[in-house]
Amino acid sequence: MSRKKEYFQKWKTNYDFKTFTNATVSTMITFVFALYNGFLGLRYGSLWYGSFHGYVDLVDQRRDHVRDHGDLFVRADQKHTEL
C-alpha cells in the first residue's frame, strides 16, 4: 500500500490522529492569515488590520495550546484508548 493510502486510512480510522491533523492544518492556515493581516497593518498603518492580527494570533495560540495539551481538558473516563 502506498504511503498516501496508509496515511488516509489512518486518518479515516484513528479519531485522535484525525483531530490532531485537522487542528494542525487549521492552525497553520490561521497563522498565515494572521501574518497577512499583520503585514497589511504595518504596510498601511491600519489599526483595524493590526488589531485583527492580534486577535487572530491570540485565538490561534489558544487553539495550538488545546491541540498540544487537549488531554488535560478531558476527564479520565472520556479519554480515547487505542485498541
C-alpha atoms as a PDB file:
ATOM      1  CA  MET A   1       0.000   0.000   0.000  1.00  0.00           C
ATOM      2  CA  SER A   2       1.349   3.440  -0.823  1.00  0.00           C
ATOM      3  CA  ARG A   3       2.177   5.968   1.879  1.00  0.00           C
ATOM      4  CA  LYS A   4      -0.726   8.198   0.843  1.00  0.00           C
ATOM      5  CA  LYS A   5      -3.190   5.329   1.168  1.00  0.00           C
ATOM      6  CA  GLU A   6      -1.763   4.338   4.551  1.00  0.00           C
ATOM      7  CA  TYR A   7      -1.966   7.921   5.765  1.00  0.00           C
ATOM      8  CA  PHE A   8      -5.540   8.342   4.507  1.00  0.00           C
ATOM      9  CA  GLN A   9      -6.594   5.025   6.046  1.00  0.00           C
ATOM     10  CA  LYS A  10      -5.112   6.065   9.384  1.00  0.00           C
ATOM     11  CA  TRP A  11      -6.837   9.459   9.051  1.00  0.00           C
ATOM     12  CA  LYS A  12     -10.201   7.765   8.439  1.00  0.00           C
ATOM     13  CA  THR A  13      -9.987   5.234  11.257  1.00  0.00           C
ATOM     14  CA  ASN A  14      -7.986   6.903  14.055  1.00  0.00           C
ATOM     15  CA  TYR A  15     -10.014   9.693  15.716  1.00  0.00           C
ATOM     16  CA  ASP A  16      -7.086  11.170  17.676  1.00  0.00           C
ATOM     17  CA  PHE A  17      -4.857  11.269  14.586  1.00  0.00           C
ATOM     18  CA  LYS A  18      -7.630  12.868  12.538  1.00  0.00           C
ATOM     19  CA  THR A  19      -8.308  15.505  15.197  1.00  0.00           C
ATOM     20  CA  PHE A  20      -4.617  16.336  15.593  1.00  0.00           C
ATOM     21  CA  THR A  21      -4.048  16.516  11.823  1.00  0.00           C
ATOM     22  CA  ASN A  22      -7.060  18.742  11.185  1.00  0.00           C
ATOM     23  CA  ALA A  23      -6.157  21.032  14.077  1.00  0.00           C
ATOM     24  CA  THR A  24      -2.570  21.334  12.845  1.00  0.00           C
ATOM     25  CA  VAL A  25      -3.601  22.241   9.293  1.00  0.00           C
ATOM     26  CA  SER A  26      -6.174  24.722  10.593  1.00  0.00           C
ATOM     27  CA  THR A  27      -3.601  26.300  12.903  1.00  0.00           C
ATOM     28  CA  MET A  28      -1.127  26.729  10.039  1.00  0.00           C
ATOM     29  CA  ILE A  29      -3.748  28.374   7.808  1.00  0.00           C
ATOM     30  CA  THR A  30      -4.827  30.713  10.618  1.00  0.00           C
ATOM     31  CA  PHE A  31      -1.185  31.596  11.315  1.00  0.00           C
ATOM     32  CA  VAL A  32      -0.644  32.591   7.680  1.00  0.00           C
ATOM     33  CA  PHE A  33      -3.865  34.639   7.766  1.00  0.00           C
ATOM     34  CA  ALA A  34      -2.670  36.418  10.924  1.00  0.00           C
ATOM     35  CA  LEU A  35       0.690  37.185   9.304  1.00  0.00           C
ATOM     36  CA  TYR A  36      -1.055  38.599   6.255  1.00  0.00           C
ATOM     37  CA  ASN A  37      -3.213  40.881   8.420  1.00  0.00           C
ATOM     38  CA  GLY A  38      -0.149  41.947  10.394  1.00  0.00           C
ATOM     39  CA  PHE A  39       1.620  42.810   7.150  1.00  0.00           C
ATOM     40  CA  LEU A  40      -1.357  44.876   5.979  1.00  0.00           C
ATOM     41  CA  GLY A  41      -1.480  46.633   9.341  1.00  0.00           C
ATOM     42  CA  LEU A  42       2.189  47.586   9.105  1.00  0.00           C
ATOM     43  CA  ARG A  43       2.142  48.374   5.403  1.00  0.00           C
ATOM     44  CA  TYR A  44      -0.844  50.709   5.515  1.00  0.00           C
ATOM     45  CA  GLY A  45      -0.610  51.810   9.149  1.00  0.00           C
ATOM     46  CA  SER A  46      -4.067  50.363   9.722  1.00  0.00           C
ATOM     47  CA  LEU A  47      -5.247  49.928  13.283  1.00  0.00           C
ATOM     48  CA  TRP A  48      -8.013  47.617  12.008  1.00  0.00           C
ATOM     49  CA  TYR A  49      -5.642  45.100  10.409  1.00  0.00           C
ATOM     50  CA  GLY A  50      -3.150  45.385  13.252  1.00  0.00           C
ATOM     51  CA  SER A  51      -5.734  44.683  15.935  1.00  0.00           C
ATOM     52  CA  PHE A  52      -7.302  41.908  13.846  1.00  0.00           C
ATOM     53  CA  HIS A  53      -3.848  40.348  13.545  1.00  0.00           C
ATOM     54  CA  GLY A  54      -3.516  40.423  17.331  1.00  0.00           C
ATOM     55  CA  TYR A  55      -6.929  38.850  17.858  1.00  0.00           C
ATOM     56  CA  VAL A  56      -6.405  36.080  15.294  1.00  0.00           C
ATOM     57  CA  ASP A  57      -2.947  35.385  16.693  1.00  0.00           C
ATOM     58  CA  LEU A  58      -4.353  35.096  20.230  1.00  0.00           C
ATOM     59  CA  VAL A  59      -7.090  32.695  19.102  1.00  0.00           C
ATOM     60  CA  ASP A  60      -4.527  30.669  17.146  1.00  0.00           C
ATOM     61  CA  GLN A  61      -2.251  30.378  20.179  1.00  0.00           C
ATOM     62  CA  ARG A  62      -5.128  29.141  22.346  1.00  0.00           C
ATOM     63  CA  ARG A  63      -6.116  26.541  19.756  1.00  0.00           C
ATOM     64  CA  ASP A  64      -2.490  25.458  19.469  1.00  0.00           C
ATOM     65  CA  HIS A  65      -2.316  25.033  23.256  1.00  0.00           C
ATOM     66  CA  VAL A  66      -5.511  22.981  23.337  1.00  0.00           C
ATOM     67  CA  ARG A  67      -4.266  20.848  20.441  1.00  0.00           C
ATOM     68  CA  ASP A  68      -0.980  20.113  22.214  1.00  0.00           C
ATOM     69  CA  HIS A  69      -2.456  19.695  25.706  1.00  0.00           C
ATOM     70  CA  GLY A  70      -6.021  18.657  24.920  1.00  0.00           C
ATOM     71  CA  ASP A  71      -5.856  15.621  27.157  1.00  0.00           C
ATOM     72  CA  LEU A  72      -5.658  17.975  30.135  1.00  0.00           C
ATOM     73  CA  PHE A  73      -9.206  19.152  29.397  1.00  0.00           C
ATOM     74  CA  VAL A  74     -10.803  15.698  29.127  1.00  0.00           C
ATOM     75  CA  ARG A  75     -11.988  13.636  32.071  1.00  0.00           C
ATOM     76  CA  ALA A  76     -10.173  10.340  32.503  1.00  0.00           C
ATOM     77  CA  ASP A  77     -13.283   8.280  31.747  1.00  0.00           C
ATOM     78  CA  GLN A  78     -13.781  10.110  28.425  1.00  0.00           C
ATOM     79  CA  LYS A  79     -10.280   9.603  27.012  1.00  0.00           C
ATOM     80  CA  HIS A  80      -9.948   7.545  23.851  1.00  0.00           C
ATOM     81  CA  THR A  81      -7.978   4.355  24.140  1.00  0.00           C
ATOM     82  CA  GLU A  82      -6.067   2.662  21.368  1.00  0.00           C
ATOM     83  CA  LEU A  83      -7.120  -0.902  20.601  1.00  0.00           C
END
